[in-house]
Amino acid sequence: MRLLVVEDEAVLARNVADGLRDAGFAVDIAPDGTDALDKLAVTTYDVVVLDRDLPGVPGDEVCRTLVGSRPRSRILMLTAAAEVDDRISGLGLGADDYLGKPFAFAELVARVRALSRRPPSVAPVVSREDLEVDLGRRMVRRAGEPVLLTRKEFGVLEALVLADGSVVSTEELLDQVWDENLDPFSNVVAVTLGRLRRKLGSPPLIETVVGTGYRL
């Protein structure tokens, strides 16, 4: 496994890197956001240990850039800003985990190992043609204009976006968006899709695959 430690405090960066090497990882160090982006452009890392408070290019921007790439590394944010709101905003950017300073090194190693076994998170903002879906903030724009959706409409759109071009059946949409109290013979999926299509406008983005389901 190859890791990248992005940390501007030289002593801490060296100590973290040395400890992770002792734990069996191959580790590179980037002292700032600019160097991190340069390294990430040429090397695919399994996990990036990312300080949020970096000089130059901030850690948040490094995170945004990284989550937009495919394939991408898992991200462990390592920062002194560890209040609940900070953790929520960091995870909302697409980070896979968040560890506040100071920390127990054994916990850092355990979290890195756990991330190495976890598939990458979906980017919080997904684009398809001129459609932009912010999965974290549950906001949608088309051609730069906001599209106001109900919770169920957003849930259907989210399922289609995350399918990444694959067909999603009516049954799958029922399972993912509605609860067990819904009548399985209801036409609620078709009705919700009809409203969603109207709100998204033209040209149409959602395709009906006859006898199979729907695809974005």
N, C-alpha and C. Protein backbone atom coordinates (compact mmCIF):
# COMPACT_ATOMS: atom_id res chain seq x y z
N MET A 1 0.84 -1.19 0.00
CA MET A 1 0.00 0.00 0.00
C MET A 1 0.87 1.24 0.00
N ARG A 2 0.46 2.22 -0.79
CA ARG A 2 1.21 3.48 -0.87
C ARG A 2 0.34 4.62 -0.35
N LEU A 3 0.91 5.39 0.56
CA LEU A 3 0.19 6.48 1.20
C LEU A 3 0.87 7.81 0.88
N LEU A 4 0.07 8.87 0.95
CA LEU A 4 0.60 10.23 0.87
C LEU A 4 0.18 10.98 2.12
N VAL A 5 1.17 11.51 2.85
CA VAL A 5 0.91 12.33 4.02
C VAL A 5 1.08 13.79 3.60
N VAL A 6 0.00 14.56 3.69
CA VAL A 6 0.02 15.98 3.32
C VAL A 6 -0.06 16.79 4.61
N GLU A 7 1.07 17.34 5.03
CA GLU A 7 1.17 18.00 6.33
C GLU A 7 2.27 19.06 6.27
N ASP A 8 1.94 20.30 6.66
CA ASP A 8 2.92 21.39 6.58
C ASP A 8 3.83 21.47 7.80
N GLU A 9 3.46 20.83 8.90
CA GLU A 9 4.35 20.79 10.07
C GLU A 9 5.38 19.68 9.84
N ALA A 10 6.63 20.09 9.54
CA ALA A 10 7.64 19.14 9.08
C ALA A 10 7.90 18.01 10.07
N VAL A 11 8.01 18.34 11.35
CA VAL A 11 8.31 17.31 12.34
C VAL A 11 7.17 16.31 12.44
N LEU A 12 5.93 16.82 12.48
CA LEU A 12 4.77 15.93 12.55
C LEU A 12 4.68 15.07 11.30
N ALA A 13 4.89 15.67 10.13
CA ALA A 13 4.83 14.92 8.88
C ALA A 13 5.85 13.78 8.88
N ARG A 14 7.06 14.09 9.33
CA ARG A 14 8.12 13.06 9.35
C ARG A 14 7.79 11.96 10.35
N ASN A 15 7.28 12.35 11.52
CA ASN A 15 6.94 11.35 12.53
C ASN A 15 5.81 10.44 12.06
N VAL A 16 4.78 11.04 11.46
CA VAL A 16 3.65 10.25 10.95
C VAL A 16 4.13 9.31 9.85
N ALA A 17 4.93 9.84 8.92
CA ALA A 17 5.42 9.01 7.82
C ALA A 17 6.29 7.86 8.33
N ASP A 18 7.19 8.17 9.28
CA ASP A 18 8.06 7.11 9.81
C ASP A 18 7.24 6.04 10.52
N GLY A 19 6.24 6.46 11.30
CA GLY A 19 5.40 5.49 12.00
C GLY A 19 4.61 4.62 11.05
N LEU A 20 4.10 5.22 9.98
CA LEU A 20 3.34 4.45 8.99
C LEU A 20 4.26 3.50 8.23
N ARG A 21 5.48 3.92 7.97
CA ARG A 21 6.45 3.01 7.32
C ARG A 21 6.76 1.83 8.22
N ASP A 22 6.90 2.10 9.54
CA ASP A 22 7.15 1.02 10.48
C ASP A 22 5.98 0.04 10.52
N ALA A 23 4.76 0.56 10.20
CA ALA A 23 3.57 -0.29 10.18
C ALA A 23 3.43 -1.05 8.86
N GLY A 24 4.38 -0.85 7.94
CA GLY A 24 4.40 -1.62 6.71
C GLY A 24 3.92 -0.92 5.46
N PHE A 25 3.69 0.40 5.54
CA PHE A 25 3.21 1.15 4.38
C PHE A 25 4.36 1.84 3.66
N ALA A 26 4.21 2.05 2.37
CA ALA A 26 5.10 2.93 1.61
C ALA A 26 4.50 4.33 1.67
N VAL A 27 5.30 5.32 2.08
CA VAL A 27 4.76 6.65 2.39
C VAL A 27 5.55 7.74 1.69
N ASP A 28 4.84 8.64 1.02
CA ASP A 28 5.42 9.88 0.50
C ASP A 28 4.88 11.04 1.33
N ILE A 29 5.61 12.16 1.29
CA ILE A 29 5.21 13.35 2.05
C ILE A 29 5.06 14.53 1.10
N ALA A 30 3.99 15.32 1.30
CA ALA A 30 3.81 16.60 0.60
C ALA A 30 3.66 17.68 1.66
N PRO A 31 4.49 18.75 1.62
CA PRO A 31 4.44 19.76 2.67
C PRO A 31 3.35 20.81 2.49
N ASP A 32 2.69 20.80 1.34
CA ASP A 32 1.63 21.78 1.11
C ASP A 32 0.68 21.25 0.04
N GLY A 33 -0.42 22.02 -0.19
CA GLY A 33 -1.43 21.57 -1.14
C GLY A 33 -0.95 21.51 -2.57
N THR A 34 -0.08 22.45 -2.94
CA THR A 34 0.42 22.48 -4.32
C THR A 34 1.24 21.23 -4.62
N ASP A 35 2.16 20.89 -3.71
CA ASP A 35 2.97 19.69 -3.90
C ASP A 35 2.10 18.43 -3.88
N ALA A 36 1.08 18.43 -3.03
CA ALA A 36 0.16 17.29 -2.99
C ALA A 36 -0.52 17.08 -4.33
N LEU A 37 -1.03 18.16 -4.92
CA LEU A 37 -1.72 18.03 -6.21
C LEU A 37 -0.75 17.56 -7.29
N ASP A 38 0.51 18.03 -7.23
CA ASP A 38 1.50 17.58 -8.21
C ASP A 38 1.75 16.08 -8.08
N LYS A 39 1.87 15.60 -6.85
CA LYS A 39 2.12 14.17 -6.64
C LYS A 39 0.89 13.35 -7.04
N LEU A 40 -0.29 13.84 -6.69
CA LEU A 40 -1.52 13.11 -7.01
C LEU A 40 -1.78 13.04 -8.51
N ALA A 41 -1.22 13.99 -9.26
CA ALA A 41 -1.41 13.99 -10.72
C ALA A 41 -0.64 12.88 -11.40
N VAL A 42 0.39 12.37 -10.74
CA VAL A 42 1.23 11.35 -11.39
C VAL A 42 1.22 10.01 -10.67
N THR A 43 0.71 9.98 -9.42
CA THR A 43 0.73 8.75 -8.64
C THR A 43 -0.64 8.48 -8.03
N THR A 44 -1.10 7.25 -8.10
CA THR A 44 -2.34 6.85 -7.43
C THR A 44 -2.00 6.28 -6.06
N TYR A 45 -2.46 6.95 -5.02
CA TYR A 45 -2.22 6.51 -3.65
C TYR A 45 -3.44 5.77 -3.13
N ASP A 46 -3.20 4.77 -2.29
CA ASP A 46 -4.31 4.04 -1.69
C ASP A 46 -5.05 4.91 -0.68
N VAL A 47 -4.30 5.64 0.15
CA VAL A 47 -4.88 6.52 1.16
C VAL A 47 -4.07 7.81 1.21
N VAL A 48 -4.76 8.94 1.34
CA VAL A 48 -4.12 10.23 1.55
C VAL A 48 -4.49 10.72 2.94
N VAL A 49 -3.47 10.93 3.78
CA VAL A 49 -3.65 11.52 5.10
C VAL A 49 -3.49 13.02 4.91
N LEU A 50 -4.58 13.75 4.99
CA LEU A 50 -4.63 15.13 4.51
C LEU A 50 -4.90 16.11 5.64
N ASP A 51 -3.92 16.99 5.91
CA ASP A 51 -4.14 18.09 6.85
C ASP A 51 -5.08 19.09 6.19
N ARG A 52 -6.08 19.52 6.91
CA ARG A 52 -7.05 20.45 6.34
C ARG A 52 -6.53 21.88 6.28
N ASP A 53 -5.62 22.22 7.18
CA ASP A 53 -5.12 23.60 7.29
C ASP A 53 -3.74 23.70 6.65
N LEU A 54 -3.71 23.84 5.33
CA LEU A 54 -2.46 23.87 4.58
C LEU A 54 -2.18 25.27 4.03
N PRO A 55 -0.92 25.63 3.89
CA PRO A 55 -0.59 26.89 3.22
C PRO A 55 -0.79 26.75 1.72
N GLY A 56 -1.02 27.89 1.05
CA GLY A 56 -1.22 27.85 -0.39
C GLY A 56 -2.56 27.25 -0.73
N VAL A 57 -2.56 26.14 -1.45
CA VAL A 57 -3.80 25.44 -1.78
C VAL A 57 -4.31 24.75 -0.52
N PRO A 58 -5.50 25.12 -0.01
CA PRO A 58 -5.99 24.55 1.24
C PRO A 58 -6.35 23.07 1.09
N GLY A 59 -6.41 22.40 2.24
CA GLY A 59 -6.75 20.99 2.23
C GLY A 59 -8.12 20.71 1.64
N ASP A 60 -9.07 21.63 1.86
CA ASP A 60 -10.41 21.44 1.29
C ASP A 60 -10.36 21.37 -0.23
N GLU A 61 -9.52 22.22 -0.83
CA GLU A 61 -9.43 22.23 -2.29
C GLU A 61 -8.74 20.97 -2.80
N VAL A 62 -7.72 20.50 -2.08
CA VAL A 62 -7.09 19.23 -2.44
C VAL A 62 -8.11 18.10 -2.40
N CYS A 63 -8.94 18.11 -1.36
CA CYS A 63 -9.97 17.09 -1.21
C CYS A 63 -10.95 17.14 -2.38
N ARG A 64 -11.42 18.34 -2.72
CA ARG A 64 -12.37 18.47 -3.83
C ARG A 64 -11.78 17.95 -5.13
N THR A 65 -10.52 18.29 -5.37
CA THR A 65 -9.86 17.83 -6.60
C THR A 65 -9.74 16.32 -6.61
N LEU A 66 -9.39 15.76 -5.47
CA LEU A 66 -9.17 14.32 -5.39
C LEU A 66 -10.45 13.53 -5.56
N VAL A 67 -11.55 14.00 -4.95
CA VAL A 67 -12.79 13.23 -5.05
C VAL A 67 -13.39 13.30 -6.45
N GLY A 68 -12.94 14.25 -7.27
CA GLY A 68 -13.44 14.33 -8.64
C GLY A 68 -12.71 13.42 -9.59
N SER A 69 -11.67 12.71 -9.13
CA SER A 69 -10.89 11.85 -10.01
C SER A 69 -11.36 10.42 -9.93
N ARG A 70 -11.13 9.65 -11.00
CA ARG A 70 -11.48 8.23 -11.05
C ARG A 70 -10.32 7.44 -11.64
N PRO A 71 -9.76 6.44 -10.97
CA PRO A 71 -10.06 6.10 -9.58
C PRO A 71 -9.42 7.12 -8.65
N ARG A 72 -9.83 7.14 -7.42
CA ARG A 72 -9.23 8.08 -6.50
C ARG A 72 -8.84 7.40 -5.20
N SER A 73 -7.97 8.09 -4.46
CA SER A 73 -7.52 7.58 -3.18
C SER A 73 -8.59 7.79 -2.12
N ARG A 74 -8.54 6.99 -1.06
CA ARG A 74 -9.36 7.27 0.11
C ARG A 74 -8.70 8.41 0.89
N ILE A 75 -9.50 9.21 1.56
CA ILE A 75 -8.99 10.42 2.21
C ILE A 75 -9.28 10.37 3.70
N LEU A 76 -8.22 10.50 4.49
CA LEU A 76 -8.34 10.65 5.94
C LEU A 76 -7.91 12.07 6.29
N MET A 77 -8.86 12.91 6.67
CA MET A 77 -8.54 14.27 7.08
C MET A 77 -7.97 14.24 8.49
N LEU A 78 -6.81 14.90 8.65
CA LEU A 78 -6.11 14.93 9.92
C LEU A 78 -5.90 16.39 10.28
N THR A 79 -6.64 16.87 11.30
CA THR A 79 -6.62 18.31 11.56
C THR A 79 -6.98 18.62 13.00
N ALA A 80 -6.54 19.81 13.42
CA ALA A 80 -6.86 20.27 14.78
C ALA A 80 -8.32 20.70 14.89
N ALA A 81 -8.96 21.01 13.76
CA ALA A 81 -10.37 21.42 13.77
C ALA A 81 -11.24 20.17 13.83
N ALA A 82 -11.61 19.77 15.03
CA ALA A 82 -12.28 18.47 15.20
C ALA A 82 -13.64 18.59 15.86
N GLU A 83 -14.25 19.79 15.84
CA GLU A 83 -15.60 19.93 16.35
C GLU A 83 -16.57 19.19 15.43
N VAL A 84 -17.77 18.96 15.91
CA VAL A 84 -18.75 18.20 15.13
C VAL A 84 -19.00 18.86 13.77
N ASP A 85 -19.18 20.19 13.76
CA ASP A 85 -19.45 20.88 12.49
C ASP A 85 -18.28 20.73 11.53
N ASP A 86 -17.04 20.76 12.06
CA ASP A 86 -15.87 20.59 11.20
C ASP A 86 -15.85 19.20 10.60
N ARG A 87 -16.16 18.19 11.41
CA ARG A 87 -16.17 16.82 10.89
C ARG A 87 -17.25 16.65 9.83
N ILE A 88 -18.41 17.23 10.08
CA ILE A 88 -19.51 17.12 9.12
C ILE A 88 -19.12 17.77 7.79
N SER A 89 -18.55 18.98 7.86
CA SER A 89 -18.18 19.67 6.62
C SER A 89 -17.07 18.94 5.89
N GLY A 90 -16.11 18.38 6.64
CA GLY A 90 -15.03 17.64 6.00
C GLY A 90 -15.53 16.39 5.30
N LEU A 91 -16.40 15.65 5.97
CA LEU A 91 -16.98 14.46 5.33
C LEU A 91 -17.87 14.85 4.16
N GLY A 92 -18.52 16.01 4.27
CA GLY A 92 -19.35 16.48 3.16
C GLY A 92 -18.56 16.81 1.92
N LEU A 93 -17.29 17.13 2.08
CA LEU A 93 -16.43 17.39 0.93
C LEU A 93 -16.06 16.10 0.19
N GLY A 94 -16.27 14.97 0.85
CA GLY A 94 -15.94 13.69 0.23
C GLY A 94 -14.86 12.92 0.94
N ALA A 95 -14.36 13.46 2.08
CA ALA A 95 -13.38 12.70 2.86
C ALA A 95 -14.02 11.40 3.36
N ASP A 96 -13.20 10.36 3.46
CA ASP A 96 -13.71 9.06 3.90
C ASP A 96 -13.68 8.92 5.42
N ASP A 97 -12.80 9.67 6.08
CA ASP A 97 -12.70 9.59 7.53
C ASP A 97 -12.07 10.89 8.02
N TYR A 98 -12.16 11.11 9.33
CA TYR A 98 -11.74 12.39 9.91
C TYR A 98 -11.17 12.11 11.29
N LEU A 99 -9.93 12.53 11.53
CA LEU A 99 -9.27 12.29 12.81
C LEU A 99 -8.69 13.60 13.32
N GLY A 100 -9.07 13.99 14.54
CA GLY A 100 -8.62 15.25 15.10
C GLY A 100 -7.27 15.13 15.79
N LYS A 101 -6.53 16.24 15.76
CA LYS A 101 -5.28 16.33 16.51
C LYS A 101 -5.57 16.86 17.91
N PRO A 102 -4.84 16.40 18.93
CA PRO A 102 -3.86 15.30 18.90
C PRO A 102 -4.55 13.94 18.80
N PHE A 103 -3.82 12.95 18.36
CA PHE A 103 -4.42 11.64 18.14
C PHE A 103 -3.48 10.56 18.65
N ALA A 104 -4.03 9.40 18.91
CA ALA A 104 -3.22 8.23 19.25
C ALA A 104 -2.75 7.59 17.95
N PHE A 105 -1.43 7.36 17.85
CA PHE A 105 -0.91 6.87 16.58
C PHE A 105 -1.49 5.51 16.21
N ALA A 106 -1.75 4.68 17.21
CA ALA A 106 -2.33 3.36 16.93
C ALA A 106 -3.70 3.51 16.26
N GLU A 107 -4.45 4.56 16.65
CA GLU A 107 -5.75 4.79 16.03
C GLU A 107 -5.58 5.22 14.58
N LEU A 108 -4.59 6.07 14.31
CA LEU A 108 -4.31 6.49 12.93
C LEU A 108 -4.01 5.28 12.06
N VAL A 109 -3.16 4.39 12.53
CA VAL A 109 -2.81 3.20 11.75
C VAL A 109 -4.06 2.33 11.52
N ALA A 110 -4.88 2.18 12.56
CA ALA A 110 -6.09 1.36 12.42
C ALA A 110 -7.04 1.97 11.40
N ARG A 111 -7.18 3.28 11.43
CA ARG A 111 -8.08 3.93 10.47
C ARG A 111 -7.55 3.83 9.05
N VAL A 112 -6.24 3.97 8.88
CA VAL A 112 -5.65 3.84 7.55
C VAL A 112 -5.86 2.42 7.02
N ARG A 113 -5.65 1.43 7.88
CA ARG A 113 -5.87 0.04 7.44
C ARG A 113 -7.34 -0.18 7.05
N ALA A 114 -8.25 0.38 7.83
CA ALA A 114 -9.68 0.22 7.53
C ALA A 114 -10.01 0.88 6.19
N LEU A 115 -9.46 2.07 5.94
CA LEU A 115 -9.72 2.76 4.68
C LEU A 115 -9.15 1.99 3.50
N SER A 116 -8.03 1.33 3.71
CA SER A 116 -7.43 0.58 2.60
C SER A 116 -8.31 -0.56 2.14
N ARG A 117 -9.22 -1.01 3.01
CA ARG A 117 -10.13 -2.11 2.65
C ARG A 117 -11.47 -1.61 2.15
N ARG A 118 -11.67 -0.28 2.20
CA ARG A 118 -12.97 0.30 1.87
C ARG A 118 -12.94 0.88 0.45
N PRO A 119 -13.96 0.63 -0.35
CA PRO A 119 -14.01 1.28 -1.66
C PRO A 119 -14.16 2.78 -1.50
N PRO A 120 -13.63 3.57 -2.45
CA PRO A 120 -13.72 5.02 -2.32
C PRO A 120 -15.15 5.51 -2.24
N SER A 121 -15.35 6.60 -1.54
CA SER A 121 -16.66 7.24 -1.48
C SER A 121 -16.99 7.89 -2.81
N VAL A 122 -18.27 8.05 -3.06
CA VAL A 122 -18.71 8.76 -4.25
C VAL A 122 -18.42 10.25 -4.09
N ALA A 123 -17.98 10.87 -5.16
CA ALA A 123 -17.76 12.31 -5.11
C ALA A 123 -19.03 13.02 -4.67
N PRO A 124 -18.91 14.04 -3.78
CA PRO A 124 -20.11 14.71 -3.29
C PRO A 124 -20.85 15.50 -4.36
N VAL A 125 -20.14 15.91 -5.42
CA VAL A 125 -20.79 16.61 -6.53
C VAL A 125 -20.54 15.79 -7.79
N VAL A 126 -21.63 15.34 -8.41
CA VAL A 126 -21.55 14.51 -9.60
C VAL A 126 -22.15 15.26 -10.77
N SER A 127 -21.46 15.25 -11.91
CA SER A 127 -21.95 15.95 -13.10
C SER A 127 -22.26 14.96 -14.21
N ARG A 128 -23.37 15.17 -14.88
CA ARG A 128 -23.75 14.42 -16.07
C ARG A 128 -24.24 15.43 -17.10
N GLU A 129 -23.47 15.59 -18.18
CA GLU A 129 -23.75 16.62 -19.18
C GLU A 129 -23.86 17.98 -18.48
N ASP A 130 -25.00 18.68 -18.59
CA ASP A 130 -25.12 19.98 -17.94
C ASP A 130 -25.83 19.89 -16.59
N LEU A 131 -25.97 18.66 -16.07
CA LEU A 131 -26.62 18.44 -14.79
C LEU A 131 -25.56 18.29 -13.70
N GLU A 132 -25.76 19.01 -12.59
CA GLU A 132 -24.84 18.93 -11.45
C GLU A 132 -25.65 18.56 -10.20
N VAL A 133 -25.26 17.45 -9.57
CA VAL A 133 -25.97 16.96 -8.39
C VAL A 133 -25.01 16.98 -7.21
N ASP A 134 -25.31 17.80 -6.23
CA ASP A 134 -24.52 17.88 -5.00
C ASP A 134 -25.13 16.90 -4.00
N LEU A 135 -24.50 15.74 -3.85
CA LEU A 135 -25.05 14.69 -3.01
C LEU A 135 -24.98 15.04 -1.53
N GLY A 136 -23.98 15.82 -1.15
CA GLY A 136 -23.83 16.19 0.25
C GLY A 136 -24.88 17.18 0.70
N ARG A 137 -25.08 18.23 -0.09
CA ARG A 137 -26.03 19.29 0.26
C ARG A 137 -27.41 19.06 -0.35
N ARG A 138 -27.54 17.98 -1.14
CA ARG A 138 -28.81 17.61 -1.77
C ARG A 138 -29.36 18.77 -2.59
N MET A 139 -28.49 19.30 -3.46
CA MET A 139 -28.86 20.40 -4.34
C MET A 139 -28.60 19.99 -5.78
N VAL A 140 -29.44 20.51 -6.69
CA VAL A 140 -29.35 20.15 -8.11
C VAL A 140 -29.33 21.42 -8.94
N ARG A 141 -28.48 21.43 -9.95
CA ARG A 141 -28.47 22.51 -10.94
C ARG A 141 -28.44 21.91 -12.34
N ARG A 142 -29.14 22.59 -13.25
CA ARG A 142 -29.04 22.21 -14.65
C ARG A 142 -28.73 23.45 -15.46
N ALA A 143 -27.66 23.38 -16.25
CA ALA A 143 -27.18 24.53 -17.02
C ALA A 143 -26.97 25.73 -16.09
N GLY A 144 -26.52 25.44 -14.88
CA GLY A 144 -26.23 26.50 -13.93
C GLY A 144 -27.41 27.01 -13.14
N GLU A 145 -28.62 26.55 -13.47
CA GLU A 145 -29.83 27.03 -12.80
C GLU A 145 -30.29 26.01 -11.75
N PRO A 146 -30.67 26.48 -10.55
CA PRO A 146 -31.11 25.55 -9.51
C PRO A 146 -32.41 24.83 -9.89
N VAL A 147 -32.50 23.57 -9.50
CA VAL A 147 -33.70 22.76 -9.72
C VAL A 147 -34.18 22.32 -8.34
N LEU A 148 -35.38 22.74 -7.96
CA LEU A 148 -35.91 22.41 -6.64
C LEU A 148 -36.66 21.09 -6.69
N LEU A 149 -36.20 20.13 -5.89
CA LEU A 149 -36.79 18.80 -5.89
C LEU A 149 -37.30 18.43 -4.50
N THR A 150 -38.34 17.60 -4.48
CA THR A 150 -38.78 17.03 -3.21
C THR A 150 -37.77 15.95 -2.78
N ARG A 151 -37.92 15.45 -1.55
CA ARG A 151 -37.00 14.42 -1.07
C ARG A 151 -37.06 13.16 -1.93
N LYS A 152 -38.25 12.76 -2.33
CA LYS A 152 -38.37 11.55 -3.13
C LYS A 152 -37.82 11.76 -4.54
N GLU A 153 -38.07 12.93 -5.11
CA GLU A 153 -37.53 13.22 -6.43
C GLU A 153 -36.01 13.20 -6.40
N PHE A 154 -35.44 13.81 -5.36
CA PHE A 154 -33.98 13.80 -5.25
C PHE A 154 -33.48 12.38 -5.04
N GLY A 155 -34.19 11.59 -4.24
CA GLY A 155 -33.79 10.21 -4.01
C GLY A 155 -33.73 9.40 -5.29
N VAL A 156 -34.74 9.58 -6.15
CA VAL A 156 -34.75 8.88 -7.44
C VAL A 156 -33.58 9.34 -8.30
N LEU A 157 -33.37 10.66 -8.36
CA LEU A 157 -32.27 11.18 -9.16
C LEU A 157 -30.93 10.69 -8.63
N GLU A 158 -30.78 10.68 -7.31
CA GLU A 158 -29.54 10.20 -6.70
C GLU A 158 -29.27 8.75 -7.09
N ALA A 159 -30.29 7.91 -7.03
CA ALA A 159 -30.12 6.50 -7.40
C ALA A 159 -29.69 6.35 -8.85
N LEU A 160 -30.26 7.15 -9.73
CA LEU A 160 -29.90 7.08 -11.14
C LEU A 160 -28.49 7.60 -11.38
N VAL A 161 -28.12 8.67 -10.69
CA VAL A 161 -26.77 9.22 -10.84
C VAL A 161 -25.72 8.22 -10.37
N LEU A 162 -25.96 7.63 -9.20
CA LEU A 162 -24.99 6.69 -8.64
C LEU A 162 -24.89 5.40 -9.45
N ALA A 163 -25.91 5.09 -10.23
CA ALA A 163 -25.84 3.90 -11.09
C ALA A 163 -24.87 4.09 -12.25
N ASP A 164 -24.50 5.35 -12.52
CA ASP A 164 -23.46 5.68 -13.50
C ASP A 164 -23.73 5.06 -14.88
N GLY A 165 -24.96 5.25 -15.36
CA GLY A 165 -25.30 4.79 -16.70
C GLY A 165 -25.94 3.42 -16.75
N SER A 166 -25.92 2.70 -15.64
CA SER A 166 -26.57 1.39 -15.62
C SER A 166 -28.08 1.57 -15.43
N VAL A 167 -28.84 0.57 -15.83
CA VAL A 167 -30.29 0.62 -15.70
C VAL A 167 -30.68 0.33 -14.26
N VAL A 168 -31.60 1.13 -13.73
CA VAL A 168 -32.13 0.93 -12.38
C VAL A 168 -33.59 0.54 -12.51
N SER A 169 -33.96 -0.59 -11.94
CA SER A 169 -35.33 -1.08 -12.08
C SER A 169 -36.27 -0.35 -11.14
N THR A 170 -37.56 -0.46 -11.41
CA THR A 170 -38.57 0.11 -10.52
C THR A 170 -38.44 -0.48 -9.12
N GLU A 171 -38.21 -1.79 -9.03
CA GLU A 171 -38.08 -2.45 -7.73
C GLU A 171 -36.89 -1.89 -6.96
N GLU A 172 -35.79 -1.62 -7.66
CA GLU A 172 -34.61 -1.07 -6.99
C GLU A 172 -34.88 0.35 -6.48
N LEU A 173 -35.61 1.13 -7.27
CA LEU A 173 -35.95 2.48 -6.83
C LEU A 173 -36.87 2.42 -5.61
N LEU A 174 -37.82 1.50 -5.61
CA LEU A 174 -38.70 1.33 -4.45
C LEU A 174 -37.89 0.98 -3.21
N ASP A 175 -36.93 0.08 -3.37
CA ASP A 175 -36.11 -0.36 -2.23
C ASP A 175 -35.24 0.77 -1.70
N GLN A 176 -34.71 1.60 -2.60
CA GLN A 176 -33.75 2.61 -2.20
C GLN A 176 -34.39 3.90 -1.70
N VAL A 177 -35.56 4.24 -2.21
CA VAL A 177 -36.12 5.58 -1.96
C VAL A 177 -37.33 5.53 -1.03
N TRP A 178 -38.10 4.45 -1.08
CA TRP A 178 -39.31 4.35 -0.26
C TRP A 178 -39.12 3.31 0.83
N ASP A 179 -40.03 3.32 1.81
CA ASP A 179 -39.88 2.37 2.90
C ASP A 179 -40.83 1.18 2.71
N GLU A 180 -40.80 0.27 3.67
CA GLU A 180 -41.53 -0.98 3.54
C GLU A 180 -43.05 -0.80 3.62
N ASN A 181 -43.50 0.38 4.03
CA ASN A 181 -44.94 0.61 4.16
C ASN A 181 -45.62 0.92 2.83
N LEU A 182 -44.82 1.11 1.78
CA LEU A 182 -45.40 1.44 0.48
C LEU A 182 -46.00 0.21 -0.18
N ASP A 183 -47.15 0.39 -0.79
CA ASP A 183 -47.78 -0.67 -1.57
C ASP A 183 -46.89 -0.99 -2.77
N PRO A 184 -46.38 -2.22 -2.89
CA PRO A 184 -45.47 -2.57 -4.00
C PRO A 184 -46.13 -2.46 -5.37
N PHE A 185 -47.45 -2.40 -5.41
CA PHE A 185 -48.14 -2.28 -6.69
C PHE A 185 -48.48 -0.82 -7.02
N SER A 186 -48.00 0.09 -6.20
CA SER A 186 -48.24 1.51 -6.43
C SER A 186 -47.50 1.99 -7.67
N ASN A 187 -48.04 3.04 -8.33
CA ASN A 187 -47.36 3.64 -9.48
C ASN A 187 -46.55 4.87 -9.07
N VAL A 188 -46.16 4.91 -7.77
CA VAL A 188 -45.50 6.10 -7.25
C VAL A 188 -44.17 6.37 -7.95
N VAL A 189 -43.45 5.33 -8.39
CA VAL A 189 -42.18 5.54 -9.08
C VAL A 189 -42.41 6.25 -10.40
N ALA A 190 -43.39 5.79 -11.17
CA ALA A 190 -43.68 6.41 -12.45
C ALA A 190 -44.13 7.85 -12.27
N VAL A 191 -44.96 8.10 -11.26
CA VAL A 191 -45.43 9.46 -11.01
C VAL A 191 -44.27 10.37 -10.61
N THR A 192 -43.41 9.89 -9.72
CA THR A 192 -42.27 10.68 -9.27
C THR A 192 -41.31 10.96 -10.42
N LEU A 193 -41.07 9.95 -11.25
CA LEU A 193 -40.21 10.15 -12.41
C LEU A 193 -40.79 11.17 -13.38
N GLY A 194 -42.10 11.14 -13.54
CA GLY A 194 -42.73 12.13 -14.42
C GLY A 194 -42.50 13.55 -13.93
N ARG A 195 -42.67 13.77 -12.63
CA ARG A 195 -42.42 15.09 -12.06
C ARG A 195 -40.95 15.48 -12.18
N LEU A 196 -40.07 14.51 -11.92
CA LEU A 196 -38.64 14.77 -12.00
C LEU A 196 -38.22 15.16 -13.41
N ARG A 197 -38.74 14.44 -14.40
CA ARG A 197 -38.41 14.77 -15.78
C ARG A 197 -38.85 16.19 -16.14
N ARG A 198 -40.06 16.56 -15.70
CA ARG A 198 -40.55 17.91 -16.01
C ARG A 198 -39.66 18.97 -15.37
N LYS A 199 -39.25 18.73 -14.15
CA LYS A 199 -38.43 19.72 -13.45
C LYS A 199 -37.03 19.83 -14.06
N LEU A 200 -36.50 18.70 -14.55
CA LEU A 200 -35.16 18.75 -15.15
C LEU A 200 -35.17 19.39 -16.53
N GLY A 201 -36.31 19.38 -17.19
CA GLY A 201 -36.45 20.09 -18.46
C GLY A 201 -35.85 19.36 -19.64
N SER A 202 -35.68 20.13 -20.72
CA SER A 202 -35.20 19.58 -22.00
C SER A 202 -33.76 20.02 -22.27
N PRO A 203 -33.04 19.19 -23.06
CA PRO A 203 -33.43 17.87 -23.57
C PRO A 203 -33.50 16.86 -22.43
N PRO A 204 -34.35 15.83 -22.57
CA PRO A 204 -34.56 14.87 -21.48
C PRO A 204 -33.28 14.11 -21.16
N LEU A 205 -33.08 13.86 -19.86
CA LEU A 205 -31.88 13.16 -19.40
C LEU A 205 -32.16 11.72 -18.98
N ILE A 206 -33.40 11.43 -18.57
CA ILE A 206 -33.74 10.11 -18.04
C ILE A 206 -34.38 9.28 -19.13
N GLU A 207 -33.79 8.15 -19.41
CA GLU A 207 -34.28 7.24 -20.45
C GLU A 207 -35.06 6.10 -19.82
N THR A 208 -36.20 5.77 -20.41
CA THR A 208 -36.94 4.59 -20.01
C THR A 208 -36.49 3.40 -20.85
N VAL A 209 -36.00 2.36 -20.20
CA VAL A 209 -35.61 1.14 -20.88
C VAL A 209 -36.77 0.17 -20.72
N VAL A 210 -37.54 -0.01 -21.78
CA VAL A 210 -38.80 -0.74 -21.71
C VAL A 210 -38.58 -2.14 -21.14
N GLY A 211 -39.38 -2.47 -20.12
CA GLY A 211 -39.34 -3.79 -19.51
C GLY A 211 -38.20 -3.99 -18.53
N THR A 212 -37.37 -2.96 -18.36
CA THR A 212 -36.19 -3.11 -17.50
C THR A 212 -36.15 -2.05 -16.40
N GLY A 213 -36.25 -0.78 -16.78
CA GLY A 213 -36.16 0.27 -15.77
C GLY A 213 -35.79 1.61 -16.39
N TYR A 214 -34.93 2.32 -15.71
CA TYR A 214 -34.60 3.70 -16.11
C TYR A 214 -33.09 3.90 -16.04
N ARG A 215 -32.63 4.86 -16.88
CA ARG A 215 -31.20 5.12 -16.95
C ARG A 215 -30.97 6.61 -17.19
N LEU A 216 -29.94 7.15 -16.52
CA LEU A 216 -29.57 8.54 -16.72
C LEU A 216 -28.42 8.62 -17.70
